[in-house]
Amino acid sequence: MQKYVCTVCGYVYDPEQGDTDNGIKPGTAFEALPDSWVCPLCGAAKDMFEPEK
Protein backbone atom coordinates (compact mmCIF):
# COMPACT_ATOMS: atom_id res chain seq x y z
CA MET A 1 0.00 0.00 0.00
CA GLN A 2 1.11 3.53 -0.84
CA LYS A 3 2.50 5.77 1.91
CA TYR A 4 1.51 9.45 1.96
CA VAL A 5 3.54 12.43 3.21
CA CYS A 6 2.19 15.59 4.85
CA THR A 7 3.44 18.51 2.77
CA VAL A 8 3.27 20.77 5.83
CA CYS A 9 5.36 18.88 8.40
CA GLY A 10 6.71 15.75 6.68
CA TYR A 11 4.71 13.18 8.68
CA VAL A 12 4.42 9.91 6.75
CA TYR A 13 1.12 8.02 6.91
CA ASP A 14 1.95 4.31 6.63
CA PRO A 15 -1.17 2.25 5.90
CA GLU A 16 0.45 -0.86 7.36
CA GLN A 17 0.63 0.89 10.75
CA GLY A 18 -2.48 3.05 10.51
CA ASP A 19 -2.98 5.80 13.09
CA THR A 20 -4.08 3.84 16.14
CA ASP A 21 -3.91 6.90 18.43
CA ASN A 22 -6.73 8.38 16.34
CA GLY A 23 -8.78 5.22 15.78
CA ILE A 24 -7.36 4.24 12.38
CA LYS A 25 -6.64 0.51 12.29
CA PRO A 26 -3.49 -0.94 10.70
CA GLY A 27 -4.14 -1.92 7.09
CA THR A 28 -6.28 1.18 6.35
CA ALA A 29 -5.41 2.66 2.95
CA PHE A 30 -4.97 6.43 2.81
CA GLU A 31 -7.91 6.67 0.38
CA ALA A 32 -10.12 4.95 2.97
CA LEU A 33 -9.36 7.49 5.71
CA PRO A 34 -12.36 9.64 6.64
CA ASP A 35 -12.33 13.16 5.16
CA SER A 36 -12.28 14.48 8.73
CA TRP A 37 -8.91 12.81 9.43
CA VAL A 38 -6.03 15.27 9.94
CA CYS A 39 -2.27 14.94 10.31
CA PRO A 40 -1.60 13.73 13.87
CA LEU A 41 1.48 15.97 14.15
CA CYS A 42 0.41 19.32 12.72
CA GLY A 43 -3.34 19.06 12.12
CA ALA A 44 -3.13 19.57 8.34
CA ALA A 45 -6.11 18.38 6.34
CA LYS A 46 -6.03 15.15 4.35
CA ASP A 47 -5.74 17.12 1.09
CA MET A 48 -2.33 18.41 2.23
CA PHE A 49 -0.84 14.92 1.75
CA GLU A 50 0.80 13.58 -1.38
CA PRO A 51 2.04 10.09 -2.32
CA GLU A 52 5.54 9.29 -1.05
CA LYS A 53 8.05 9.00 -3.88
PDB file of N, CA and C in Angstrom:
ATOM      1  N   MET A   1       0.838  -1.195   0.000  1.00  0.00           N
ATOM      2  CA  MET A   1       0.000   0.000   0.000  1.00  0.00           C
ATOM      3  C   MET A   1       0.879   1.254   0.000  1.00  0.00           C
ATOM      4  N   GLN A   2       0.386   2.267  -0.657  1.00  0.00           N
ATOM      5  CA  GLN A   2       1.109   3.530  -0.836  1.00  0.00           C
ATOM      6  C   GLN A   2       1.164   4.334   0.463  1.00  0.00           C
ATOM      7  N   LYS A   3       2.345   4.852   0.788  1.00  0.00           N
ATOM      8  CA  LYS A   3       2.499   5.771   1.914  1.00  0.00           C
ATOM      9  C   LYS A   3       2.262   7.192   1.414  1.00  0.00           C
ATOM     10  N   TYR A   4       1.775   8.051   2.297  1.00  0.00           N
ATOM     11  CA  TYR A   4       1.512   9.448   1.959  1.00  0.00           C
ATOM     12  C   TYR A   4       2.234  10.354   2.935  1.00  0.00           C
ATOM     13  N   VAL A   5       2.737  11.498   2.419  1.00  0.00           N
ATOM     14  CA  VAL A   5       3.535  12.432   3.212  1.00  0.00           C
ATOM     15  C   VAL A   5       2.782  13.751   3.374  1.00  0.00           C
ATOM     16  N   CYS A   6       2.775  14.271   4.593  1.00  0.00           N
ATOM     17  CA  CYS A   6       2.190  15.588   4.853  1.00  0.00           C
ATOM     18  C   CYS A   6       3.129  16.647   4.277  1.00  0.00           C
ATOM     19  N   THR A   7       2.600  17.488   3.392  1.00  0.00           N
ATOM     20  CA  THR A   7       3.438  18.512   2.765  1.00  0.00           C
ATOM     21  C   THR A   7       3.720  19.671   3.710  1.00  0.00           C
ATOM     22  N   VAL A   8       3.059  19.700   4.861  1.00  0.00           N
ATOM     23  CA  VAL A   8       3.273  20.772   5.827  1.00  0.00           C
ATOM     24  C   VAL A   8       4.421  20.427   6.782  1.00  0.00           C
ATOM     25  N   CYS A   9       4.368  19.206   7.366  1.00  0.00           N
ATOM     26  CA  CYS A   9       5.361  18.876   8.397  1.00  0.00           C
ATOM     27  C   CYS A   9       6.239  17.665   8.083  1.00  0.00           C
ATOM     28  N   GLY A  10       5.895  16.898   7.045  1.00  0.00           N
ATOM     29  CA  GLY A  10       6.711  15.746   6.680  1.00  0.00           C
ATOM     30  C   GLY A  10       6.287  14.430   7.302  1.00  0.00           C
ATOM     31  N   TYR A  11       5.206  14.432   8.102  1.00  0.00           N
ATOM     32  CA  TYR A  11       4.707  13.185   8.681  1.00  0.00           C
ATOM     33  C   TYR A  11       4.361  12.208   7.558  1.00  0.00           C
ATOM     34  N   VAL A  12       4.719  10.939   7.738  1.00  0.00           N
ATOM     35  CA  VAL A  12       4.415   9.908   6.747  1.00  0.00           C
ATOM     36  C   VAL A  12       3.308   9.009   7.290  1.00  0.00           C
ATOM     37  N   TYR A  13       2.180   8.965   6.563  1.00  0.00           N
ATOM     38  CA  TYR A  13       1.117   8.018   6.908  1.00  0.00           C
ATOM     39  C   TYR A  13       1.451   6.687   6.266  1.00  0.00           C
ATOM     40  N   ASP A  14       1.633   5.663   7.100  1.00  0.00           N
ATOM     41  CA  ASP A  14       1.947   4.314   6.634  1.00  0.00           C
ATOM     42  C   ASP A  14       0.709   3.447   6.845  1.00  0.00           C
ATOM     43  N   PRO A  15       0.051   3.036   5.753  1.00  0.00           N
ATOM     44  CA  PRO A  15      -1.171   2.247   5.896  1.00  0.00           C
ATOM     45  C   PRO A  15      -0.981   0.947   6.673  1.00  0.00           C
ATOM     46  N   GLU A  16       0.210   0.380   6.630  1.00  0.00           N
ATOM     47  CA  GLU A  16       0.451  -0.860   7.365  1.00  0.00           C
ATOM     48  C   GLU A  16       0.388  -0.639   8.877  1.00  0.00           C
ATOM     49  N   GLN A  17       0.675   0.591   9.325  1.00  0.00           N
ATOM     50  CA  GLN A  17       0.635   0.891  10.754  1.00  0.00           C
ATOM     51  C   GLN A  17      -0.642   1.613  11.153  1.00  0.00           C
ATOM     52  N   GLY A  18      -1.287   2.286  10.185  1.00  0.00           N
ATOM     53  CA  GLY A  18      -2.484   3.053  10.507  1.00  0.00           C
ATOM     54  C   GLY A  18      -2.152   4.244  11.395  1.00  0.00           C
ATOM     55  N   ASP A  19      -3.143   4.695  12.137  1.00  0.00           N
ATOM     56  CA  ASP A  19      -2.976   5.800  13.095  1.00  0.00           C
ATOM     57  C   ASP A  19      -3.804   5.429  14.314  1.00  0.00           C
ATOM     58  N   THR A  20      -3.306   4.426  15.047  1.00  0.00           N
ATOM     59  CA  THR A  20      -4.083   3.844  16.140  1.00  0.00           C
ATOM     60  C   THR A  20      -4.431   4.855  17.231  1.00  0.00           C
ATOM     61  N   ASP A  21      -3.606   5.878  17.415  1.00  0.00           N
ATOM     62  CA  ASP A  21      -3.909   6.896  18.426  1.00  0.00           C
ATOM     63  C   ASP A  21      -5.184   7.661  18.078  1.00  0.00           C
ATOM     64  N   ASN A  22      -5.541   7.661  16.797  1.00  0.00           N
ATOM     65  CA  ASN A  22      -6.730   8.378  16.337  1.00  0.00           C
ATOM     66  C   ASN A  22      -7.793   7.448  15.758  1.00  0.00           C
ATOM     67  N   GLY A  23      -7.741   6.168  16.144  1.00  0.00           N
ATOM     68  CA  GLY A  23      -8.785   5.223  15.778  1.00  0.00           C
ATOM     69  C   GLY A  23      -8.694   4.636  14.385  1.00  0.00           C
ATOM     70  N   ILE A  24      -7.542   4.791  13.720  1.00  0.00           N
ATOM     71  CA  ILE A  24      -7.365   4.240  12.376  1.00  0.00           C
ATOM     72  C   ILE A  24      -6.588   2.926  12.501  1.00  0.00           C
ATOM     73  N   LYS A  25      -7.237   1.842  12.128  1.00  0.00           N
ATOM     74  CA  LYS A  25      -6.641   0.513  12.286  1.00  0.00           C
ATOM     75  C   LYS A  25      -5.522   0.269  11.275  1.00  0.00           C
ATOM     76  N   PRO A  26      -4.511  -0.528  11.657  1.00  0.00           N
ATOM     77  CA  PRO A  26      -3.488  -0.938  10.702  1.00  0.00           C
ATOM     78  C   PRO A  26      -4.146  -1.608   9.498  1.00  0.00           C
ATOM     79  N   GLY A  27      -3.594  -1.360   8.314  1.00  0.00           N
ATOM     80  CA  GLY A  27      -4.144  -1.915   7.094  1.00  0.00           C
ATOM     81  C   GLY A  27      -5.138  -0.994   6.403  1.00  0.00           C
ATOM     82  N   THR A  28      -5.341   0.218   6.950  1.00  0.00           N
ATOM     83  CA  THR A  28      -6.277   1.177   6.355  1.00  0.00           C
ATOM     84  C   THR A  28      -5.566   2.014   5.298  1.00  0.00           C
ATOM     85  N   ALA A  29      -5.999   1.881   4.044  1.00  0.00           N
ATOM     86  CA  ALA A  29      -5.414   2.657   2.953  1.00  0.00           C
ATOM     87  C   ALA A  29      -5.697   4.144   3.156  1.00  0.00           C
ATOM     88  N   PHE A  30      -4.797   4.982   2.675  1.00  0.00           N
ATOM     89  CA  PHE A  30      -4.974   6.429   2.810  1.00  0.00           C
ATOM     90  C   PHE A  30      -6.305   6.872   2.215  1.00  0.00           C
ATOM     91  N   GLU A  31      -6.664   6.308   1.059  1.00  0.00           N
ATOM     92  CA  GLU A  31      -7.911   6.670   0.381  1.00  0.00           C
ATOM     93  C   GLU A  31      -9.136   6.331   1.224  1.00  0.00           C
ATOM     94  N   ALA A  32      -8.998   5.379   2.130  1.00  0.00           N
ATOM     95  CA  ALA A  32     -10.117   4.950   2.970  1.00  0.00           C
ATOM     96  C   ALA A  32     -10.251   5.768   4.255  1.00  0.00           C
ATOM     97  N   LEU A  33      -9.278   6.655   4.514  1.00  0.00           N
ATOM     98  CA  LEU A  33      -9.364   7.489   5.711  1.00  0.00           C
ATOM     99  C   LEU A  33     -10.562   8.427   5.596  1.00  0.00           C
ATOM    100  N   PRO A  34     -11.241   8.701   6.714  1.00  0.00           N
ATOM    101  CA  PRO A  34     -12.360   9.643   6.639  1.00  0.00           C
ATOM    102  C   PRO A  34     -11.868  11.036   6.261  1.00  0.00           C
ATOM    103  N   ASP A  35     -12.713  11.807   5.580  1.00  0.00           N
ATOM    104  CA  ASP A  35     -12.333  13.157   5.164  1.00  0.00           C
ATOM    105  C   ASP A  35     -12.012  14.052   6.354  1.00  0.00           C
ATOM    106  N   SER A  36     -12.521  13.684   7.521  1.00  0.00           N
ATOM    107  CA  SER A  36     -12.282  14.484   8.729  1.00  0.00           C
ATOM    108  C   SER A  36     -10.918  14.201   9.367  1.00  0.00           C
ATOM    109  N   TRP A  37     -10.215  13.159   8.870  1.00  0.00           N
ATOM    110  CA  TRP A  37      -8.906  12.809   9.432  1.00  0.00           C
ATOM    111  C   TRP A  37      -7.917  13.924   9.135  1.00  0.00           C
ATOM    112  N   VAL A  38      -7.066  14.239  10.119  1.00  0.00           N
ATOM    113  CA  VAL A  38      -6.032  15.267   9.943  1.00  0.00           C
ATOM    114  C   VAL A  38      -4.684  14.699  10.371  1.00  0.00           C
ATOM    115  N   CYS A  39      -3.618  15.343   9.934  1.00  0.00           N
ATOM    116  CA  CYS A  39      -2.268  14.935  10.307  1.00  0.00           C
ATOM    117  C   CYS A  39      -2.152  14.924  11.830  1.00  0.00           C
ATOM    118  N   PRO A  40      -1.708  13.805  12.417  1.00  0.00           N
ATOM    119  CA  PRO A  40      -1.598  13.730  13.869  1.00  0.00           C
ATOM    120  C   PRO A  40      -0.499  14.618  14.452  1.00  0.00           C
ATOM    121  N   LEU A  41       0.416  15.094  13.623  1.00  0.00           N
ATOM    122  CA  LEU A  41       1.476  15.965  14.145  1.00  0.00           C
ATOM    123  C   LEU A  41       1.130  17.445  14.056  1.00  0.00           C
ATOM    124  N   CYS A  42       0.613  17.873  12.897  1.00  0.00           N
ATOM    125  CA  CYS A  42       0.409  19.318  12.720  1.00  0.00           C
ATOM    126  C   CYS A  42      -1.039  19.725  12.488  1.00  0.00           C
ATOM    127  N   GLY A  43      -1.931  18.742  12.309  1.00  0.00           N
ATOM    128  CA  GLY A  43      -3.338  19.060  12.123  1.00  0.00           C
ATOM    129  C   GLY A  43      -3.720  19.440  10.697  1.00  0.00           C
ATOM    130  N   ALA A  44      -2.823  19.249   9.740  1.00  0.00           N
ATOM    131  CA  ALA A  44      -3.126  19.572   8.341  1.00  0.00           C
ATOM    132  C   ALA A  44      -4.214  18.638   7.814  1.00  0.00           C
ATOM    133  N   ALA A  45      -5.031  19.162   6.929  1.00  0.00           N
ATOM    134  CA  ALA A  45      -6.114  18.382   6.339  1.00  0.00           C
ATOM    135  C   ALA A  45      -5.565  17.286   5.430  1.00  0.00           C
ATOM    136  N   LYS A  46      -6.410  16.298   5.187  1.00  0.00           N
ATOM    137  CA  LYS A  46      -6.033  15.151   4.348  1.00  0.00           C
ATOM    138  C   LYS A  46      -5.572  15.587   2.958  1.00  0.00           C
ATOM    139  N   ASP A  47      -6.123  16.679   2.442  1.00  0.00           N
ATOM    140  CA  ASP A  47      -5.740  17.118   1.091  1.00  0.00           C
ATOM    141  C   ASP A  47      -4.359  17.765   1.033  1.00  0.00           C
ATOM    142  N   MET A  48      -3.698  17.888   2.181  1.00  0.00           N
ATOM    143  CA  MET A  48      -2.331  18.412   2.230  1.00  0.00           C
ATOM    144  C   MET A  48      -1.291  17.293   2.142  1.00  0.00           C
ATOM    145  N   PHE A  49      -1.736  16.078   1.870  1.00  0.00           N
ATOM    146  CA  PHE A  49      -0.839  14.922   1.747  1.00  0.00           C
ATOM    147  C   PHE A  49      -0.633  14.594   0.276  1.00  0.00           C
ATOM    148  N   GLU A  50       0.531  14.072  -0.030  1.00  0.00           N
ATOM    149  CA  GLU A  50       0.804  13.580  -1.382  1.00  0.00           C
ATOM    150  C   GLU A  50       1.507  12.239  -1.292  1.00  0.00           C
ATOM    151  N   PRO A  51       1.400  11.412  -2.343  1.00  0.00           N
ATOM    152  CA  PRO A  51       2.043  10.091  -2.317  1.00  0.00           C
ATOM    153  C   PRO A  51       3.557  10.220  -2.111  1.00  0.00           C
ATOM    154  N   GLU A  52       4.088   9.322  -1.281  1.00  0.00           N
ATOM    155  CA  GLU A  52       5.540   9.294  -1.054  1.00  0.00           C
ATOM    156  C   GLU A  52       6.215   8.779  -2.316  1.00  0.00           C
ATOM    157  N   LYS A  53       7.331   9.396  -2.666  1.00  0.00           N
ATOM    158  CA  LYS A  53       8.055   8.995  -3.880  1.00  0.00           C
ATOM    159  C   LYS A  53       9.184   8.046  -3.554  1.00  0.00           C
TER     160      LYS A  53
END
